[in-house]
Every structure is written in C-alpha cells, then in structure tokens.
C-alpha cells in the first residue's frame, strides 16, 4: 500500500483584507469585489504534495476589472 491520501485541500483562514474564507475553508470570496482590486489573496491551508492535482472553480465573475485571476503554487506550508 502507498502513502495515505493527503487531507482535503482547504483555504487557510488567514487571507487578504478584501477576501473571506467561508464554508469551513472550502470557499474563498471577495465580499465587496467591485470596491477594490487589491488585497484579495487567499492561500491553501497546506502545501501540495508531489504530483497532487487540484481544481479551481469560479462561480461568479466581476467584469469591472480588466485583469486576470492569478494562481500560485508552493511547496511551503503557509
């Protein structure tokens, strides 16, 4: 048998000033997305394991900003 499966990948409760983590860490959102473009950073609660896949689902878009979603990956715990 191989290594045990990793714990569920959730969002860390520490986040940017304009972001919120809800739903027991399963959902990240920007409560006032049209007010400010900055400070919407969220992190995973743990580092990814080697070759671990993850999925990002976007449920709602705000078309006020001309930008993009940025996703970063690290091997360091937050």
N, C-alpha and C. Protein backbone atom coordinates (compact mmCIF):
# COMPACT_ATOMS: atom_id res chain seq x y z
N UNK A 1 0.84 -1.19 0.00
CA UNK A 1 0.00 0.00 0.00
C UNK A 1 0.88 1.24 0.00
N UNK A 2 0.45 2.25 -0.71
CA UNK A 2 1.19 3.50 -0.81
C UNK A 2 0.91 4.40 0.38
N UNK A 3 1.38 5.64 0.27
CA UNK A 3 1.15 6.59 1.37
C UNK A 3 -0.34 6.90 1.50
N UNK A 4 -0.76 7.32 2.68
CA UNK A 4 -2.18 7.66 2.86
C UNK A 4 -2.54 8.87 2.00
N UNK A 5 -3.79 9.00 1.63
CA UNK A 5 -4.18 10.17 0.83
C UNK A 5 -3.99 11.45 1.65
N UNK A 6 -3.68 12.55 0.98
CA UNK A 6 -3.50 13.81 1.71
C UNK A 6 -4.82 14.30 2.27
N UNK A 7 -4.77 15.09 3.35
CA UNK A 7 -6.01 15.68 3.84
C UNK A 7 -6.62 16.59 2.78
N UNK A 8 -7.90 16.80 2.87
CA UNK A 8 -8.61 17.65 1.90
C UNK A 8 -7.93 19.01 1.80
N UNK A 9 -7.79 19.50 0.59
CA UNK A 9 -7.17 20.80 0.36
C UNK A 9 -8.20 21.90 0.60
N UNK A 10 -7.97 22.70 1.63
CA UNK A 10 -8.87 23.78 2.01
C UNK A 10 -8.13 25.10 1.98
N UNK A 11 -8.86 26.19 2.10
CA UNK A 11 -8.24 27.51 2.19
C UNK A 11 -7.83 27.79 3.63
N UNK A 12 -6.69 28.46 3.79
CA UNK A 12 -6.20 28.87 5.10
C UNK A 12 -7.05 30.04 5.59
N UNK A 13 -7.35 30.11 6.89
CA UNK A 13 -8.20 31.22 7.37
C UNK A 13 -7.54 32.59 7.26
N UNK A 14 -6.21 32.66 7.26
CA UNK A 14 -5.53 33.95 7.07
C UNK A 14 -5.61 34.32 5.59
N UNK A 15 -6.14 35.49 5.30
CA UNK A 15 -6.31 35.91 3.91
C UNK A 15 -6.19 37.42 3.82
N UNK A 16 -6.23 37.93 2.61
CA UNK A 16 -6.13 39.36 2.37
C UNK A 16 -7.29 40.14 2.99
N UNK A 17 -7.08 41.44 3.14
CA UNK A 17 -8.09 42.31 3.77
C UNK A 17 -9.41 42.33 3.01
N UNK A 18 -9.37 42.10 1.71
CA UNK A 18 -10.59 42.17 0.88
C UNK A 18 -11.09 40.79 0.47
N UNK A 19 -10.64 39.75 1.17
CA UNK A 19 -11.07 38.38 0.89
C UNK A 19 -11.70 37.79 2.14
N UNK A 20 -12.44 36.72 1.96
CA UNK A 20 -13.03 35.99 3.08
C UNK A 20 -12.99 34.51 2.78
N UNK A 21 -12.72 33.71 3.79
CA UNK A 21 -12.75 32.26 3.67
C UNK A 21 -13.94 31.77 4.49
N UNK A 22 -14.84 31.04 3.85
CA UNK A 22 -16.08 30.59 4.48
C UNK A 22 -16.31 29.12 4.18
N UNK A 23 -17.43 28.60 4.63
CA UNK A 23 -17.83 27.23 4.31
C UNK A 23 -16.78 26.23 4.80
N UNK A 24 -16.31 26.45 6.04
CA UNK A 24 -15.32 25.57 6.67
C UNK A 24 -14.05 25.45 5.83
N UNK A 25 -13.65 26.55 5.19
CA UNK A 25 -12.41 26.57 4.42
C UNK A 25 -12.55 26.10 2.99
N UNK A 26 -13.75 25.73 2.57
CA UNK A 26 -13.95 25.21 1.21
C UNK A 26 -14.21 26.30 0.19
N UNK A 27 -14.51 27.52 0.64
CA UNK A 27 -14.88 28.60 -0.28
C UNK A 27 -14.13 29.87 0.07
N UNK A 28 -13.60 30.53 -0.95
CA UNK A 28 -12.98 31.85 -0.79
C UNK A 28 -13.76 32.82 -1.66
N UNK A 29 -13.94 34.03 -1.14
CA UNK A 29 -14.69 35.02 -1.92
C UNK A 29 -14.21 36.42 -1.59
N UNK A 30 -14.67 37.35 -2.41
CA UNK A 30 -14.40 38.78 -2.20
C UNK A 30 -15.75 39.43 -1.94
N UNK A 31 -16.10 39.68 -0.66
CA UNK A 31 -17.44 40.19 -0.34
C UNK A 31 -17.80 41.50 -1.05
N UNK A 32 -16.83 42.36 -1.30
CA UNK A 32 -17.09 43.64 -1.96
C UNK A 32 -16.18 43.74 -3.19
N UNK A 33 -16.36 42.82 -4.12
CA UNK A 33 -15.45 42.66 -5.25
C UNK A 33 -15.36 43.88 -6.15
N UNK A 34 -16.37 44.71 -6.18
CA UNK A 34 -16.33 45.88 -7.07
C UNK A 34 -15.71 47.10 -6.39
N UNK A 35 -15.41 47.02 -5.11
CA UNK A 35 -14.85 48.17 -4.39
C UNK A 35 -13.35 48.34 -4.60
N UNK A 36 -12.61 47.24 -4.64
CA UNK A 36 -11.15 47.32 -4.68
C UNK A 36 -10.61 46.08 -5.37
N UNK A 37 -9.59 46.27 -6.20
CA UNK A 37 -8.99 45.16 -6.93
C UNK A 37 -7.94 44.44 -6.08
N UNK A 38 -7.28 45.16 -5.18
CA UNK A 38 -6.15 44.62 -4.41
C UNK A 38 -6.60 43.91 -3.13
N UNK A 39 -5.66 43.22 -2.52
CA UNK A 39 -5.82 42.59 -1.20
C UNK A 39 -6.84 41.45 -1.19
N UNK A 40 -6.95 40.72 -2.29
CA UNK A 40 -7.87 39.58 -2.36
C UNK A 40 -7.16 38.24 -2.33
N UNK A 41 -6.02 38.17 -1.67
CA UNK A 41 -5.19 36.96 -1.68
C UNK A 41 -5.75 35.91 -0.72
N UNK A 42 -5.77 34.66 -1.19
CA UNK A 42 -6.09 33.52 -0.34
C UNK A 42 -5.03 32.44 -0.57
N UNK A 43 -4.83 31.60 0.42
CA UNK A 43 -3.82 30.53 0.37
C UNK A 43 -4.46 29.20 0.74
N UNK A 44 -3.82 28.13 0.30
CA UNK A 44 -4.28 26.82 0.77
C UNK A 44 -3.78 26.61 2.19
N UNK A 45 -4.46 25.76 2.93
CA UNK A 45 -4.12 25.52 4.33
C UNK A 45 -2.92 24.59 4.49
N UNK A 46 -2.47 23.99 3.41
CA UNK A 46 -1.29 23.12 3.46
C UNK A 46 -0.62 23.16 2.10
N UNK A 47 0.61 22.70 2.07
CA UNK A 47 1.35 22.62 0.80
C UNK A 47 0.82 21.46 -0.04
N UNK A 48 0.94 21.59 -1.34
CA UNK A 48 0.59 20.49 -2.23
C UNK A 48 1.63 19.38 -2.11
N UNK A 49 1.21 18.16 -2.28
CA UNK A 49 2.13 17.03 -2.33
C UNK A 49 2.62 16.86 -3.76
N UNK A 50 3.74 16.17 -3.93
CA UNK A 50 4.27 15.91 -5.27
C UNK A 50 3.19 15.27 -6.14
N UNK A 51 3.03 15.79 -7.33
CA UNK A 51 2.08 15.28 -8.33
C UNK A 51 0.61 15.35 -7.91
N UNK A 52 0.31 16.10 -6.87
CA UNK A 52 -1.09 16.25 -6.45
C UNK A 52 -1.81 17.22 -7.39
N UNK A 53 -2.97 16.84 -7.84
CA UNK A 53 -3.78 17.70 -8.69
C UNK A 53 -4.76 18.49 -7.84
N UNK A 54 -5.08 19.69 -8.29
CA UNK A 54 -6.10 20.48 -7.61
C UNK A 54 -6.94 21.18 -8.66
N UNK A 55 -8.13 21.56 -8.27
CA UNK A 55 -9.08 22.18 -9.19
C UNK A 55 -9.57 23.49 -8.59
N UNK A 56 -9.70 24.50 -9.43
CA UNK A 56 -10.26 25.79 -9.02
C UNK A 56 -11.55 25.99 -9.79
N UNK A 57 -12.62 26.27 -9.08
CA UNK A 57 -13.91 26.53 -9.73
C UNK A 57 -14.29 27.98 -9.45
N UNK A 58 -14.60 28.71 -10.49
CA UNK A 58 -15.02 30.10 -10.37
C UNK A 58 -16.54 30.13 -10.54
N UNK A 59 -17.23 30.55 -9.50
CA UNK A 59 -18.69 30.57 -9.52
C UNK A 59 -19.27 31.89 -9.98
N UNK A 60 -18.52 32.97 -9.84
CA UNK A 60 -19.04 34.29 -10.20
C UNK A 60 -17.89 35.17 -10.66
N UNK A 61 -18.14 35.97 -11.68
CA UNK A 61 -17.13 36.88 -12.22
C UNK A 61 -17.62 38.32 -12.06
N UNK A 62 -16.66 39.23 -11.89
CA UNK A 62 -16.93 40.66 -11.85
C UNK A 62 -16.24 41.26 -13.07
N UNK A 63 -16.98 41.93 -13.94
CA UNK A 63 -16.36 42.45 -15.16
C UNK A 63 -15.95 43.91 -15.04
N UNK A 64 -15.88 44.43 -13.83
CA UNK A 64 -15.43 45.80 -13.63
C UNK A 64 -13.92 45.93 -13.86
N UNK A 65 -13.17 44.90 -13.54
CA UNK A 65 -11.71 44.96 -13.60
C UNK A 65 -11.18 44.32 -14.87
N UNK A 66 -10.17 44.94 -15.47
CA UNK A 66 -9.51 44.38 -16.64
C UNK A 66 -8.25 43.67 -16.16
N UNK A 67 -8.40 42.45 -15.73
CA UNK A 67 -7.27 41.71 -15.18
C UNK A 67 -7.51 40.23 -15.31
N UNK A 68 -6.84 39.48 -14.48
CA UNK A 68 -6.98 38.04 -14.54
C UNK A 68 -6.88 37.46 -13.14
N UNK A 69 -7.31 36.22 -13.00
CA UNK A 69 -7.11 35.52 -11.76
C UNK A 69 -5.67 35.02 -11.75
N UNK A 70 -5.04 35.08 -10.63
CA UNK A 70 -3.66 34.63 -10.50
C UNK A 70 -3.61 33.49 -9.51
N UNK A 71 -2.98 32.40 -9.91
CA UNK A 71 -2.87 31.22 -9.06
C UNK A 71 -1.40 30.88 -8.91
N UNK A 72 -0.96 30.75 -7.68
CA UNK A 72 0.42 30.37 -7.42
C UNK A 72 0.46 29.07 -6.64
N UNK A 73 1.52 28.32 -6.81
CA UNK A 73 1.68 27.04 -6.13
C UNK A 73 3.02 27.04 -5.42
N UNK A 74 3.04 26.50 -4.21
CA UNK A 74 4.28 26.43 -3.45
C UNK A 74 4.38 25.09 -2.74
N UNK A 75 5.57 24.73 -2.34
CA UNK A 75 5.77 23.52 -1.55
C UNK A 75 5.93 23.85 -0.07
N UNK A 76 5.79 25.12 0.29
CA UNK A 76 5.95 25.55 1.68
C UNK A 76 4.59 25.69 2.35
N UNK A 77 4.50 25.28 3.59
CA UNK A 77 3.27 25.47 4.35
C UNK A 77 3.05 26.95 4.62
N UNK A 78 1.79 27.39 4.63
CA UNK A 78 1.52 28.82 4.85
C UNK A 78 1.86 29.25 6.27
